[in-house]
Protein backbone atom coordinates (compact mmCIF):
# COMPACT_ATOMS: atom_id res chain seq x y z
CA MET A 1 -27.10 -19.08 4.93
CA LYS A 2 -25.50 -15.88 3.67
CA HIS A 3 -21.89 -15.24 4.67
CA ASN A 4 -20.50 -11.71 4.78
CA SER A 5 -16.76 -11.42 5.03
CA LEU A 6 -14.98 -8.25 6.01
CA ALA A 7 -13.43 -8.09 2.54
CA SER A 8 -16.85 -8.01 0.85
CA GLU A 9 -17.95 -5.16 3.11
CA LEU A 10 -14.94 -2.93 2.42
CA LYS A 11 -15.50 -0.04 0.06
CA PHE A 12 -12.54 1.59 -1.62
CA VAL A 13 -12.79 5.30 -2.27
CA THR A 14 -11.52 6.66 -5.56
CA THR A 15 -9.59 9.89 -5.07
CA HIS A 16 -9.82 12.95 -7.29
CA GLU A 17 -6.26 12.30 -8.51
CA GLU A 18 -7.15 8.72 -9.47
CA SER A 19 -10.22 9.92 -11.36
CA VAL A 20 -8.15 12.47 -13.27
CA GLY A 21 -5.49 9.83 -14.01
CA PHE A 22 -8.18 7.47 -15.28
CA GLY A 23 -9.44 10.21 -17.58
CA VAL A 24 -5.94 10.69 -19.00
CA ILE A 25 -5.58 6.93 -19.57
CA ARG A 26 -8.97 6.76 -21.33
CA ALA A 27 -8.03 9.74 -23.51
CA ILE A 28 -4.83 7.97 -24.58
CA LEU A 29 -6.41 4.56 -25.20
CA ARG A 30 -9.55 5.76 -26.99
CA GLN A 31 -7.42 6.02 -30.13
CA ASN A 32 -7.28 2.21 -30.28
CA VAL A 33 -10.16 0.90 -28.17
CA GLY A 34 -13.67 2.02 -27.21
CA VAL A 35 -13.76 3.87 -23.89
CA ASN A 36 -16.58 1.62 -22.67
CA ARG A 37 -14.05 -1.26 -22.65
CA ILE A 38 -11.67 0.59 -20.31
CA ILE A 39 -12.78 -0.09 -16.75
CA ALA A 40 -11.56 1.30 -13.41
CA ARG A 41 -11.19 -0.78 -10.26
CA SER A 42 -10.28 0.73 -6.92
CA SER A 43 -8.35 -1.54 -4.62
CA GLN A 44 -6.35 -1.30 -1.44
CA GLY A 45 -2.99 0.21 -2.34
CA TYR A 46 -3.64 1.01 -6.00
CA PHE A 47 -6.19 2.06 -8.61
CA GLY A 48 -6.44 -0.48 -11.41
CA VAL A 49 -7.41 -0.07 -15.04
CA ILE A 50 -8.50 -3.20 -16.88
CA LEU A 51 -9.85 -4.14 -20.29
CA ASP A 52 -13.39 -5.47 -20.77
CA ASP A 53 -14.15 -5.62 -17.02
CA ASN A 54 -11.90 -8.67 -16.78
CA SER A 55 -9.32 -8.83 -13.99
CA THR A 56 -7.12 -11.09 -16.14
CA THR A 57 -6.59 -8.26 -18.65
CA PRO A 58 -4.90 -5.51 -16.62
CA ILE A 59 -3.70 -2.44 -18.48
CA CYS A 60 -2.14 -0.44 -15.67
CA ARG A 61 -2.27 0.56 -12.03
CA LEU A 62 -1.95 3.97 -10.45
CA TYR A 63 -0.10 4.17 -7.15
CA PHE A 64 -0.91 7.59 -5.77
CA SER A 65 -1.04 7.01 -2.00
CA GLY A 66 2.68 7.23 -1.14
CA LYS A 67 5.27 9.98 -1.27
CA GLN A 68 6.13 9.06 -4.86
CA MET A 69 3.43 8.55 -7.49
CA TYR A 70 3.81 5.66 -9.93
CA ILE A 71 2.06 4.25 -12.93
CA GLY A 72 2.50 0.50 -13.29
CA ILE A 73 2.00 -0.62 -16.89
CA PHE A 74 1.37 -4.26 -17.77
CA ASN A 75 2.93 -6.25 -20.58
CA GLY A 76 0.75 -9.31 -20.26
CA PRO A 77 -1.39 -10.38 -17.32
CA THR A 78 1.44 -10.61 -14.76
CA LEU A 79 4.39 -8.48 -15.88
CA GLU A 80 4.09 -4.96 -14.48
CA THR A 81 6.68 -2.22 -14.82
CA ARG A 82 6.39 0.77 -12.49
CA HIS A 83 7.34 4.22 -13.69
CA PRO A 84 7.66 7.15 -11.24
CA ILE A 85 5.71 10.28 -12.13
CA GLU A 86 5.71 13.69 -10.50
CA ARG A 87 2.42 14.94 -11.95
CA ILE A 88 -0.65 13.22 -13.35
CA ASP A 89 -0.16 14.72 -16.81
CA GLU A 90 3.15 12.79 -17.05
CA ILE A 91 0.99 9.74 -17.81
CA PHE A 92 0.92 11.05 -21.39
CA LYS A 93 4.67 10.25 -21.62
CA HIS A 94 3.71 6.58 -21.32
CA SER A 95 1.13 6.58 -24.13
CA ASP A 96 2.99 4.05 -26.29
CA ALA A 97 3.43 1.61 -23.39
CA LEU A 98 -0.27 1.92 -22.49
CA MET A 99 -1.32 1.21 -26.07
CA ASN A 100 1.06 -1.76 -26.18
CA ALA A 101 -0.56 -3.11 -23.00
CA VAL A 102 -3.97 -3.10 -24.72
CA ASP A 103 -2.51 -4.54 -27.93
CA PHE A 104 -1.20 -7.50 -25.93
CA TYR A 105 -4.79 -8.69 -25.43
């Protein structure tokens, strides 16, 4: 018997801003890691970026749905630090932290 939960039926839509932000993150990280290893995951409340399609290796999250935009950068699988940004191109200011997040793994 096949069981379909509401959660499995939900589809999260990636916004244009999230796609652009993901492109910026890939451009930064491609210096140290192949872009095919940098994977996007849309979720309720945030847009996640992970390494090697593994949810236990988060790199960062983009929070673009509220009044204030944030990038949350991970230092390990559970420690996330959120940084407010005004524009998507401000992600470049966090290049070192993003590369450190990948280096952790």
